[in-house]
Amino acid sequence: MSRYSQTPIITSIQDQKRRYANVKYPQISLDSQDIYVYTTQGDRYDSLALVFYKDSSLWWIINRANPNQDSASLYPAVGAQIRIPSPYRLSTILAQYDSLNKII
């Protein structure tokens, strides 16, 4: 699945070009049930999301939960301790995402 498959596409009125809409991500607060892992060579946010959430398209949740990492990269720094928001929080996080991006 493409990492942009869930991103809305808009068409400009002026030039009729199609573009990806800006996506707004929710703040992901700390929770006592969050999981902490140390990354190893080859770890990517999408592969971690597949392991912990069974859905690689939720890579952005792990990325946003770790603002100390490079948000423009799919690779966290090797040896970094990163936070994985608890899978029990997914419905709340996704509802916040939908609300910010007005997905019905």
PDB file of N, CA and C in Angstrom:
ATOM      1  N   MET A   1       0.847  -1.183   0.000  1.00  0.00           N
ATOM      2  CA  MET A   1       0.000   0.000   0.000  1.00  0.00           C
ATOM      3  C   MET A   1       0.888   1.241   0.000  1.00  0.00           C
ATOM      4  N   SER A   2       0.534   2.200  -0.801  1.00  0.00           N
ATOM      5  CA  SER A   2       1.272   3.450  -0.865  1.00  0.00           C
ATOM      6  C   SER A   2       1.100   4.231   0.422  1.00  0.00           C
ATOM      7  N   ARG A   3       2.156   4.893   0.850  1.00  0.00           N
ATOM      8  CA  ARG A   3       2.068   5.689   2.072  1.00  0.00           C
ATOM      9  C   ARG A   3       1.145   6.887   1.897  1.00  0.00           C
ATOM     10  N   TYR A   4       0.781   7.205   0.671  1.00  0.00           N
ATOM     11  CA  TYR A   4      -0.108   8.333   0.407  1.00  0.00           C
ATOM     12  C   TYR A   4      -1.529   7.895   0.019  1.00  0.00           C
ATOM     13  N   SER A   5      -1.834   6.630   0.146  1.00  0.00           N
ATOM     14  CA  SER A   5      -3.138   6.135  -0.307  1.00  0.00           C
ATOM     15  C   SER A   5      -4.302   6.731   0.470  1.00  0.00           C
ATOM     16  N   GLN A   6      -4.081   7.158   1.700  1.00  0.00           N
ATOM     17  CA  GLN A   6      -5.141   7.737   2.515  1.00  0.00           C
ATOM     18  C   GLN A   6      -5.170   9.267   2.451  1.00  0.00           C
ATOM     19  N   THR A   7      -4.245   9.867   1.706  1.00  0.00           N
ATOM     20  CA  THR A   7      -4.149  11.322   1.632  1.00  0.00           C
ATOM     21  C   THR A   7      -5.145  11.865   0.610  1.00  0.00           C
ATOM     22  N   PRO A   8      -5.992  12.804   1.022  1.00  0.00           N
ATOM     23  CA  PRO A   8      -6.959  13.383   0.077  1.00  0.00           C
ATOM     24  C   PRO A   8      -6.262  14.129  -1.059  1.00  0.00           C
ATOM     25  N   ILE A   9      -6.873  14.096  -2.238  1.00  0.00           N
ATOM     26  CA  ILE A   9      -6.357  14.808  -3.409  1.00  0.00           C
ATOM     27  C   ILE A   9      -7.332  15.930  -3.737  1.00  0.00           C
ATOM     28  N   ILE A  10      -6.781  17.108  -3.963  1.00  0.00           N
ATOM     29  CA  ILE A  10      -7.621  18.255  -4.316  1.00  0.00           C
ATOM     30  C   ILE A  10      -7.246  18.726  -5.717  1.00  0.00           C
ATOM     31  N   THR A  11      -8.189  19.380  -6.383  1.00  0.00           N
ATOM     32  CA  THR A  11      -7.947  19.925  -7.714  1.00  0.00           C
ATOM     33  C   THR A  11      -8.024  21.440  -7.624  1.00  0.00           C
ATOM     34  N   SER A  12      -6.991  22.090  -8.118  1.00  0.00           N
ATOM     35  CA  SER A  12      -6.929  23.549  -8.097  1.00  0.00           C
ATOM     36  C   SER A  12      -7.921  24.127  -9.100  1.00  0.00           C
ATOM     37  N   ILE A  13      -8.640  25.158  -8.689  1.00  0.00           N
ATOM     38  CA  ILE A  13      -9.592  25.823  -9.575  1.00  0.00           C
ATOM     39  C   ILE A  13      -8.847  26.604 -10.665  1.00  0.00           C
ATOM     40  N   GLN A  14      -7.697  27.207 -10.275  1.00  0.00           N
ATOM     41  CA  GLN A  14      -6.962  28.050 -11.211  1.00  0.00           C
ATOM     42  C   GLN A  14      -6.351  27.258 -12.378  1.00  0.00           C
ATOM     43  N   ASP A  15      -5.646  26.171 -12.068  1.00  0.00           N
ATOM     44  CA  ASP A  15      -4.933  25.478 -13.143  1.00  0.00           C
ATOM     45  C   ASP A  15      -5.382  24.031 -13.350  1.00  0.00           C
ATOM     46  N   GLN A  16      -6.389  23.583 -12.608  1.00  0.00           N
ATOM     47  CA  GLN A  16      -6.957  22.241 -12.725  1.00  0.00           C
ATOM     48  C   GLN A  16      -5.945  21.114 -12.439  1.00  0.00           C
ATOM     49  N   LYS A  17      -4.865  21.444 -11.735  1.00  0.00           N
ATOM     50  CA  LYS A  17      -3.892  20.421 -11.367  1.00  0.00           C
ATOM     51  C   LYS A  17      -4.333  19.732 -10.086  1.00  0.00           C
ATOM     52  N   ARG A  18      -4.064  18.443 -10.037  1.00  0.00           N
ATOM     53  CA  ARG A  18      -4.389  17.663  -8.840  1.00  0.00           C
ATOM     54  C   ARG A  18      -3.181  17.634  -7.916  1.00  0.00           C
ATOM     55  N   ARG A  19      -3.457  17.847  -6.631  1.00  0.00           N
ATOM     56  CA  ARG A  19      -2.381  17.861  -5.631  1.00  0.00           C
ATOM     57  C   ARG A  19      -2.871  17.146  -4.379  1.00  0.00           C
ATOM     58  N   TYR A  20      -1.899  16.645  -3.615  1.00  0.00           N
ATOM     59  CA  TYR A  20      -2.249  16.075  -2.317  1.00  0.00           C
ATOM     60  C   TYR A  20      -2.605  17.209  -1.370  1.00  0.00           C
ATOM     61  N   ALA A  21      -3.663  17.029  -0.624  1.00  0.00           N
ATOM     62  CA  ALA A  21      -4.064  18.025   0.374  1.00  0.00           C
ATOM     63  C   ALA A  21      -3.102  17.968   1.552  1.00  0.00           C
ATOM     64  N   ASN A  22      -2.945  19.089   2.227  1.00  0.00           N
ATOM     65  CA  ASN A  22      -2.135  19.093   3.440  1.00  0.00           C
ATOM     66  C   ASN A  22      -2.848  18.264   4.498  1.00  0.00           C
ATOM     67  N   VAL A  23      -2.100  17.400   5.130  1.00  0.00           N
ATOM     68  CA  VAL A  23      -2.662  16.536   6.158  1.00  0.00           C
ATOM     69  C   VAL A  23      -2.293  17.099   7.521  1.00  0.00           C
ATOM     70  N   LYS A  24      -3.263  17.102   8.428  1.00  0.00           N
ATOM     71  CA  LYS A  24      -3.027  17.559   9.795  1.00  0.00           C
ATOM     72  C   LYS A  24      -3.012  16.330  10.695  1.00  0.00           C
ATOM     73  N   TYR A  25      -1.981  16.246  11.527  1.00  0.00           N
ATOM     74  CA  TYR A  25      -1.854  15.112  12.429  1.00  0.00           C
ATOM     75  C   TYR A  25      -2.141  15.546  13.858  1.00  0.00           C
ATOM     76  N   PRO A  26      -2.796  14.682  14.633  1.00  0.00           N
ATOM     77  CA  PRO A  26      -3.070  15.032  16.029  1.00  0.00           C
ATOM     78  C   PRO A  26      -1.810  14.946  16.884  1.00  0.00           C
ATOM     79  N   GLN A  27      -1.815  15.675  17.985  1.00  0.00           N
ATOM     80  CA  GLN A  27      -0.772  15.524  18.988  1.00  0.00           C
ATOM     81  C   GLN A  27      -1.006  14.178  19.657  1.00  0.00           C
ATOM     82  N   ILE A  28       0.040  13.439  19.888  1.00  0.00           N
ATOM     83  CA  ILE A  28      -0.099  12.123  20.515  1.00  0.00           C
ATOM     84  C   ILE A  28       0.525  12.204  21.900  1.00  0.00           C
ATOM     85  N   SER A  29      -0.342  12.283  22.884  1.00  0.00           N
ATOM     86  CA  SER A  29       0.100  12.457  24.263  1.00  0.00           C
ATOM     87  C   SER A  29       0.714  11.169  24.822  1.00  0.00           C
ATOM     88  N   LEU A  30       1.465  11.352  25.900  1.00  0.00           N
ATOM     89  CA  LEU A  30       2.055  10.212  26.590  1.00  0.00           C
ATOM     90  C   LEU A  30       0.964   9.421  27.305  1.00  0.00           C
ATOM     91  N   ASP A  31       1.180   8.124  27.422  1.00  0.00           N
ATOM     92  CA  ASP A  31       0.243   7.263  28.133  1.00  0.00           C
ATOM     93  C   ASP A  31       1.050   6.173  28.835  1.00  0.00           C
ATOM     94  N   SER A  32       0.586   5.753  29.986  1.00  0.00           N
ATOM     95  CA  SER A  32       1.327   4.746  30.757  1.00  0.00           C
ATOM     96  C   SER A  32       1.387   3.393  30.053  1.00  0.00           C
ATOM     97  N   GLN A  33       0.524   3.156  29.069  1.00  0.00           N
ATOM     98  CA  GLN A  33       0.529   1.883  28.341  1.00  0.00           C
ATOM     99  C   GLN A  33       1.373   1.932  27.059  1.00  0.00           C
ATOM    100  N   ASP A  34       1.974   3.060  26.765  1.00  0.00           N
ATOM    101  CA  ASP A  34       2.828   3.150  25.581  1.00  0.00           C
ATOM    102  C   ASP A  34       3.993   2.181  25.707  1.00  0.00           C
ATOM    103  N   ILE A  35       4.492   1.760  24.568  1.00  0.00           N
ATOM    104  CA  ILE A  35       5.584   0.793  24.492  1.00  0.00           C
ATOM    105  C   ILE A  35       6.836   1.541  24.049  1.00  0.00           C
ATOM    106  N   TYR A  36       7.970   1.212  24.647  1.00  0.00           N
ATOM    107  CA  TYR A  36       9.243   1.825  24.264  1.00  0.00           C
ATOM    108  C   TYR A  36      10.165   0.744  23.718  1.00  0.00           C
ATOM    109  N   VAL A  37      10.770   1.024  22.571  1.00  0.00           N
ATOM    110  CA  VAL A  37      11.700   0.076  21.954  1.00  0.00           C
ATOM    111  C   VAL A  37      12.962   0.812  21.530  1.00  0.00           C
ATOM    112  N   TYR A  38      14.053   0.074  21.444  1.00  0.00           N
ATOM    113  CA  TYR A  38      15.289   0.597  20.871  1.00  0.00           C
ATOM    114  C   TYR A  38      15.355   0.117  19.434  1.00  0.00           C
ATOM    115  N   THR A  39      15.627   1.031  18.532  1.00  0.00           N
ATOM    116  CA  THR A  39      15.645   0.688  17.118  1.00  0.00           C
ATOM    117  C   THR A  39      16.950   0.001  16.737  1.00  0.00           C
ATOM    118  N   THR A  40      16.858  -0.793  15.689  1.00  0.00           N
ATOM    119  CA  THR A  40      18.023  -1.476  15.139  1.00  0.00           C
ATOM    120  C   THR A  40      18.146  -1.113  13.661  1.00  0.00           C
ATOM    121  N   GLN A  41      19.245  -1.482  13.071  1.00  0.00           N
ATOM    122  CA  GLN A  41      19.485  -1.210  11.651  1.00  0.00           C
ATOM    123  C   GLN A  41      18.334  -1.779  10.817  1.00  0.00           C
ATOM    124  N   GLY A  42      17.767  -0.964   9.948  1.00  0.00           N
ATOM    125  CA  GLY A  42      16.704  -1.409   9.059  1.00  0.00           C
ATOM    126  C   GLY A  42      15.297  -1.160   9.569  1.00  0.00           C
ATOM    127  N   ASP A  43      15.139  -0.753  10.832  1.00  0.00           N
ATOM    128  CA  ASP A  43      13.799  -0.438  11.329  1.00  0.00           C
ATOM    129  C   ASP A  43      13.246   0.764  10.577  1.00  0.00           C
ATOM    130  N   ARG A  44      11.975   0.665  10.226  1.00  0.00           N
ATOM    131  CA  ARG A  44      11.261   1.758   9.574  1.00  0.00           C
ATOM    132  C   ARG A  44       9.948   1.939  10.308  1.00  0.00           C
ATOM    133  N   TYR A  45       9.387   3.136  10.240  1.00  0.00           N
ATOM    134  CA  TYR A  45       8.123   3.392  10.917  1.00  0.00           C
ATOM    135  C   TYR A  45       7.007   2.500  10.375  1.00  0.00           C
ATOM    136  N   ASP A  46       6.981   2.281   9.069  1.00  0.00           N
ATOM    137  CA  ASP A  46       5.918   1.437   8.508  1.00  0.00           C
ATOM    138  C   ASP A  46       6.046  -0.018   8.937  1.00  0.00           C
ATOM    139  N   SER A  47       7.281  -0.525   9.019  1.00  0.00           N
ATOM    140  CA  SER A  47       7.448  -1.915   9.457  1.00  0.00           C
ATOM    141  C   SER A  47       7.135  -2.062  10.948  1.00  0.00           C
ATOM    142  N   LEU A  48       7.451  -1.047  11.744  1.00  0.00           N
ATOM    143  CA  LEU A  48       7.093  -1.077  13.162  1.00  0.00           C
ATOM    144  C   LEU A  48       5.571  -1.014  13.330  1.00  0.00           C
ATOM    145  N   ALA A  49       4.907  -0.200  12.526  1.00  0.00           N
ATOM    146  CA  ALA A  49       3.448  -0.124  12.590  1.00  0.00           C
ATOM    147  C   ALA A  49       2.814  -1.457  12.198  1.00  0.00           C
ATOM    148  N   LEU A  50       3.400  -2.145  11.247  1.00  0.00           N
ATOM    149  CA  LEU A  50       2.886  -3.455  10.856  1.00  0.00           C
ATOM    150  C   LEU A  50       3.015  -4.452  12.010  1.00  0.00           C
ATOM    151  N   VAL A  51       4.133  -4.413  12.709  1.00  0.00           N
ATOM    152  CA  VAL A  51       4.350  -5.318  13.841  1.00  0.00           C
ATOM    153  C   VAL A  51       3.400  -5.002  14.993  1.00  0.00           C
ATOM    154  N   PHE A  52       3.304  -3.739  15.376  1.00  0.00           N
ATOM    155  CA  PHE A  52       2.544  -3.371  16.566  1.00  0.00           C
ATOM    156  C   PHE A  52       1.058  -3.143  16.316  1.00  0.00           C
ATOM    157  N   TYR A  53       0.694  -2.677  15.096  1.00  0.00           N
ATOM    158  CA  TYR A  53      -0.697  -2.346  14.801  1.00  0.00           C
ATOM    159  C   TYR A  53      -1.313  -3.241  13.731  1.00  0.00           C
ATOM    160  N   LYS A  54      -0.516  -4.088  13.107  1.00  0.00           N
ATOM    161  CA  LYS A  54      -0.968  -4.949  12.004  1.00  0.00           C
ATOM    162  C   LYS A  54      -1.429  -4.142  10.799  1.00  0.00           C
ATOM    163  N   ASP A  55      -0.881  -2.913  10.656  1.00  0.00           N
ATOM    164  CA  ASP A  55      -1.251  -2.031   9.550  1.00  0.00           C
ATOM    165  C   ASP A  55      -0.111  -1.046   9.294  1.00  0.00           C
ATOM    166  N   SER A  56       0.615  -1.232   8.213  1.00  0.00           N
ATOM    167  CA  SER A  56       1.774  -0.381   7.926  1.00  0.00           C
ATOM    168  C   SER A  56       1.387   1.053   7.598  1.00  0.00           C
ATOM    169  N   SER A  57       0.132   1.291   7.188  1.00  0.00           N
ATOM    170  CA  SER A  57      -0.280   2.658   6.845  1.00  0.00           C
ATOM    171  C   SER A  57      -0.388   3.558   8.083  1.00  0.00           C
ATOM    172  N   LEU A  58      -0.294   2.985   9.267  1.00  0.00           N
ATOM    173  CA  LEU A  58      -0.353   3.770  10.500  1.00  0.00           C
ATOM    174  C   LEU A  58       1.037   4.196  10.966  1.00  0.00           C
ATOM    175  N   TRP A  59       1.998   4.196  10.054  1.00  0.00           N
ATOM    176  CA  TRP A  59       3.379   4.598  10.346  1.00  0.00           C
ATOM    177  C   TRP A  59       3.445   5.989  10.969  1.00  0.00           C
ATOM    178  N   TRP A  60       2.556   6.866  10.544  1.00  0.00           N
ATOM    179  CA  TRP A  60       2.592   8.261  10.990  1.00  0.00           C
ATOM    180  C   TRP A  60       2.337   8.384  12.484  1.00  0.00           C
ATOM    181  N   ILE A  61       1.625   7.448  13.089  1.00  0.00           N
ATOM    182  CA  ILE A  61       1.363   7.519  14.527  1.00  0.00           C
ATOM    183  C   ILE A  61       2.675   7.397  15.296  1.00  0.00           C
ATOM    184  N   ILE A  62       3.495   6.434  14.917  1.00  0.00           N
ATOM    185  CA  ILE A  62       4.787   6.247  15.592  1.00  0.00           C
ATOM    186  C   ILE A  62       5.700   7.427  15.284  1.00  0.00           C
ATOM    187  N   ASN A  63       5.684   7.888  14.038  1.00  0.00           N
ATOM    188  CA  ASN A  63       6.507   9.030  13.651  1.00  0.00           C
ATOM    189  C   ASN A  63       6.144  10.271  14.464  1.00  0.00           C
ATOM    190  N   ARG A  64       4.848  10.564  14.591  1.00  0.00           N
ATOM    191  CA  ARG A  64       4.396  11.755  15.326  1.00  0.00           C
ATOM    192  C   ARG A  64       4.602  11.629  16.829  1.00  0.00           C
ATOM    193  N   ALA A  65       4.643  10.415  17.338  1.00  0.00           N
ATOM    194  CA  ALA A  65       4.844  10.203  18.776  1.00  0.00           C
ATOM    195  C   ALA A  65       6.301  10.427  19.182  1.00  0.00           C
ATOM    196  N   ASN A  66       7.169  10.604  18.203  1.00  0.00           N
ATOM    197  CA  ASN A  66       8.601  10.756  18.463  1.00  0.00           C
ATOM    198  C   ASN A  66       9.136  12.015  17.800  1.00  0.00           C
ATOM    199  N   PRO A  67       8.789  13.187  18.332  1.00  0.00           N
ATOM    200  CA  PRO A  67       9.189  14.444  17.693  1.00  0.00           C
ATOM    201  C   PRO A  67      10.699  14.679  17.707  1.00  0.00           C
ATOM    202  N   ASN A  68      11.439  13.914  18.501  1.00  0.00           N
ATOM    203  CA  ASN A  68      12.892  14.058  18.542  1.00  0.00           C
ATOM    204  C   ASN A  68      13.564  13.358  17.355  1.00  0.00           C
ATOM    205  N   GLN A  69      12.794  12.624  16.558  1.00  0.00           N
ATOM    206  CA  GLN A  69      13.323  11.959  15.370  1.00  0.00           C
ATOM    207  C   GLN A  69      13.023  12.805  14.129  1.00  0.00           C
ATOM    208  N   ASP A  70      13.718  12.531  13.050  1.00  0.00           N
ATOM    209  CA  ASP A  70      13.516  13.253  11.796  1.00  0.00           C
ATOM    210  C   ASP A  70      12.154  12.875  11.213  1.00  0.00           C
ATOM    211  N   SER A  71      11.202  13.791  11.231  1.00  0.00           N
ATOM    212  CA  SER A  71       9.846  13.489  10.776  1.00  0.00           C
ATOM    213  C   SER A  71       9.752  13.321   9.260  1.00  0.00           C
ATOM    214  N   ALA A  72      10.772  13.731   8.529  1.00  0.00           N
ATOM    215  CA  ALA A  72      10.754  13.602   7.076  1.00  0.00           C
ATOM    216  C   ALA A  72      11.287  12.247   6.609  1.00  0.00           C
ATOM    217  N   SER A  73      11.725  11.421   7.537  1.00  0.00           N
ATOM    218  CA  SER A  73      12.304  10.131   7.192  1.00  0.00           C
ATOM    219  C   SER A  73      11.431   8.988   7.683  1.00  0.00           C
ATOM    220  N   LEU A  74      11.414   7.897   6.931  1.00  0.00           N
ATOM    221  CA  LEU A  74      10.722   6.686   7.383  1.00  0.00           C
ATOM    222  C   LEU A  74      11.594   5.863   8.321  1.00  0.00           C
ATOM    223  N   TYR A  75      12.842   6.278   8.505  1.00  0.00           N
ATOM    224  CA  TYR A  75      13.792   5.534   9.332  1.00  0.00           C
ATOM    225  C   TYR A  75      14.117   6.292  10.615  1.00  0.00           C
ATOM    226  N   PRO A  76      13.802   5.718  11.775  1.00  0.00           N
ATOM    227  CA  PRO A  76      14.268   6.344  13.014  1.00  0.00           C
ATOM    228  C   PRO A  76      15.767   6.110  13.157  1.00  0.00           C
ATOM    229  N   ALA A  77      16.437   6.920  13.943  1.00  0.00           N
ATOM    230  CA  ALA A  77      17.877   6.756  14.153  1.00  0.00           C
ATOM    231  C   ALA A  77      18.154   5.389  14.786  1.00  0.00           C
ATOM    232  N   VAL A  78      19.188   4.734  14.312  1.00  0.00           N
ATOM    233  CA  VAL A  78      19.576   3.429  14.850  1.00  0.00           C
ATOM    234  C   VAL A  78      20.009   3.591  16.307  1.00  0.00           C
ATOM    235  N   GLY A  79      19.474   2.742  17.177  1.00  0.00           N
ATOM    236  CA  GLY A  79      19.820   2.769  18.594  1.00  0.00           C
ATOM    237  C   GLY A  79      19.001   3.749  19.414  1.00  0.00           C
ATOM    238  N   ALA A  80      18.082   4.450  18.769  1.00  0.00           N
ATOM    239  CA  ALA A  80      17.242   5.417  19.485  1.00  0.00           C
ATOM    240  C   ALA A  80      16.126   4.690  20.221  1.00  0.00           C
ATOM    241  N   GLN A  81      15.766   5.233  21.368  1.00  0.00           N
ATOM    242  CA  GLN A  81      14.589   4.714  22.063  1.00  0.00           C
ATOM    243  C   GLN A  81      13.388   5.484  21.535  1.00  0.00           C
ATOM    244  N   ILE A  82      12.443   4.767  20.966  1.00  0.00           N
ATOM    245  CA  ILE A  82      11.253   5.430  20.438  1.00  0.00           C
ATOM    246  C   ILE A  82      10.007   4.908  21.147  1.00  0.00           C
ATOM    247  N   ARG A  83       9.000   5.747  21.127  1.00  0.00           N
ATOM    248  CA  ARG A  83       7.735   5.418  21.784  1.00  0.00           C
ATOM    249  C   ARG A  83       6.736   4.919  20.755  1.00  0.00           C
ATOM    250  N   ILE A  84       6.102   3.792  21.070  1.00  0.00           N
ATOM    251  CA  ILE A  84       5.035   3.241  20.247  1.00  0.00           C
ATOM    252  C   ILE A  84       3.737   3.441  21.038  1.00  0.00           C
ATOM    253  N   PRO A  85       2.846   4.334  20.604  1.00  0.00           N
ATOM    254  CA  PRO A  85       1.588   4.485  21.323  1.00  0.00           C
ATOM    255  C   PRO A  85       0.840   3.149  21.391  1.00  0.00           C
ATOM    256  N   SER A  86       0.255   2.891  22.517  1.00  0.00           N
ATOM    257  CA  SER A  86      -0.432   1.622  22.752  1.00  0.00           C
ATOM    258  C   SER A  86      -1.476   1.341  21.670  1.00  0.00           C
ATOM    259  N   PRO A  87      -1.529   0.093  21.196  1.00  0.00           N
ATOM    260  CA  PRO A  87      -2.557  -0.270  20.210  1.00  0.00           C
ATOM    261  C   PRO A  87      -3.981  -0.018  20.724  1.00  0.00           C
ATOM    262  N   TYR A  88      -4.176  -0.012  22.030  1.00  0.00           N
ATOM    263  CA  TYR A  88      -5.495   0.246  22.605  1.00  0.00           C
ATOM    264  C   TYR A  88      -5.950   1.683  22.357  1.00  0.00           C
ATOM    265  N   ARG A  89      -5.036   2.560  22.006  1.00  0.00           N
ATOM    266  CA  ARG A  89      -5.359   3.970  21.774  1.00  0.00           C
ATOM    267  C   ARG A  89      -5.653   4.293  20.314  1.00  0.00           C
ATOM    268  N   LEU A  90      -5.521   3.312  19.434  1.00  0.00           N
ATOM    269  CA  LEU A  90      -5.658   3.571  17.996  1.00  0.00           C
ATOM    270  C   LEU A  90      -6.984   4.229  17.630  1.00  0.00           C
ATOM    271  N   SER A  91      -8.073   3.738  18.158  1.00  0.00           N
ATOM    272  CA  SER A  91      -9.381   4.302  17.763  1.00  0.00           C
ATOM    273  C   SER A  91      -9.478   5.783  18.136  1.00  0.00           C
ATOM    274  N   THR A  92      -8.942   6.156  19.292  1.00  0.00           N
ATOM    275  CA  THR A  92      -8.964   7.558  19.711  1.00  0.00           C
ATOM    276  C   THR A  92      -8.080   8.414  18.812  1.00  0.00           C
ATOM    277  N   ILE A  93      -6.880   7.939  18.525  1.00  0.00           N
ATOM    278  CA  ILE A  93      -5.947   8.682  17.673  1.00  0.00           C
ATOM    279  C   ILE A  93      -6.516   8.847  16.267  1.00  0.00           C
ATOM    280  N   LEU A  94      -7.087   7.769  15.725  1.00  0.00           N
ATOM    281  CA  LEU A  94      -7.655   7.840  14.377  1.00  0.00           C
ATOM    282  C   LEU A  94      -8.885   8.751  14.332  1.00  0.00           C
ATOM    283  N   ALA A  95      -9.672   8.776  15.390  1.00  0.00           N
ATOM    284  CA  ALA A  95     -10.822   9.690  15.448  1.00  0.00           C
ATOM    285  C   ALA A  95     -10.343  11.143  15.458  1.00  0.00           C
ATOM    286  N   GLN A  96      -9.264  11.430  16.180  1.00  0.00           N
ATOM    287  CA  GLN A  96      -8.696  12.780  16.200  1.00  0.00           C
ATOM    288  C   GLN A  96      -8.182  13.160  14.809  1.00  0.00           C
ATOM    289  N   TYR A  97      -7.518  12.218  14.141  1.00  0.00           N
ATOM    290  CA  TYR A  97      -7.023  12.448  12.780  1.00  0.00           C
ATOM    291  C   TYR A  97      -8.191  12.773  11.844  1.00  0.00           C
ATOM    292  N   ASP A  98      -9.240  11.947  11.907  1.00  0.00           N
ATOM    293  CA  ASP A  98     -10.406  12.167  11.045  1.00  0.00           C
ATOM    294  C   ASP A  98     -11.044  13.527  11.308  1.00  0.00           C
ATOM    295  N   SER A  99     -11.116  13.905  12.577  1.00  0.00           N
ATOM    296  CA  SER A  99     -11.701  15.191  12.937  1.00  0.00           C
ATOM    297  C   SER A  99     -10.872  16.359  12.380  1.00  0.00           C
ATOM    298  N   LEU A 100      -9.573  16.259  12.477  1.00  0.00           N
ATOM    299  CA  LEU A 100      -8.698  17.311  11.958  1.00  0.00           C
ATOM    300  C   LEU A 100      -8.750  17.434  10.448  1.00  0.00           C
ATOM    301  N   ASN A 101      -8.957  16.307   9.774  1.00  0.00           N
ATOM    302  CA  ASN A 101      -8.947  16.283   8.316  1.00  0.00           C
ATOM    303  C   ASN A 101     -10.345  16.159   7.712  1.00  0.00           C
ATOM    304  N   LYS A 102     -11.354  16.259   8.567  1.00  0.00           N
ATOM    305  CA  LYS A 102     -12.760  16.256   8.153  1.00  0.00           C
ATOM    306  C   LYS A 102     -13.110  15.082   7.245  1.00  0.00           C
ATOM    307  N   ILE A 103     -12.668  13.908   7.652  1.00  0.00           N
ATOM    308  CA  ILE A 103     -13.017  12.688   6.924  1.00  0.00           C
ATOM    309  C   ILE A 103     -14.264  12.109   7.557  1.00  0.00           C
ATOM    310  N   ILE A 104     -15.247  11.841   6.742  1.00  0.00           N
ATOM    311  CA  ILE A 104     -16.511  11.298   7.259  1.00  0.00           C
ATOM    312  C   ILE A 104     -16.684   9.889   6.776  1.00  0.00           C
TER     313      ILE A 104
END
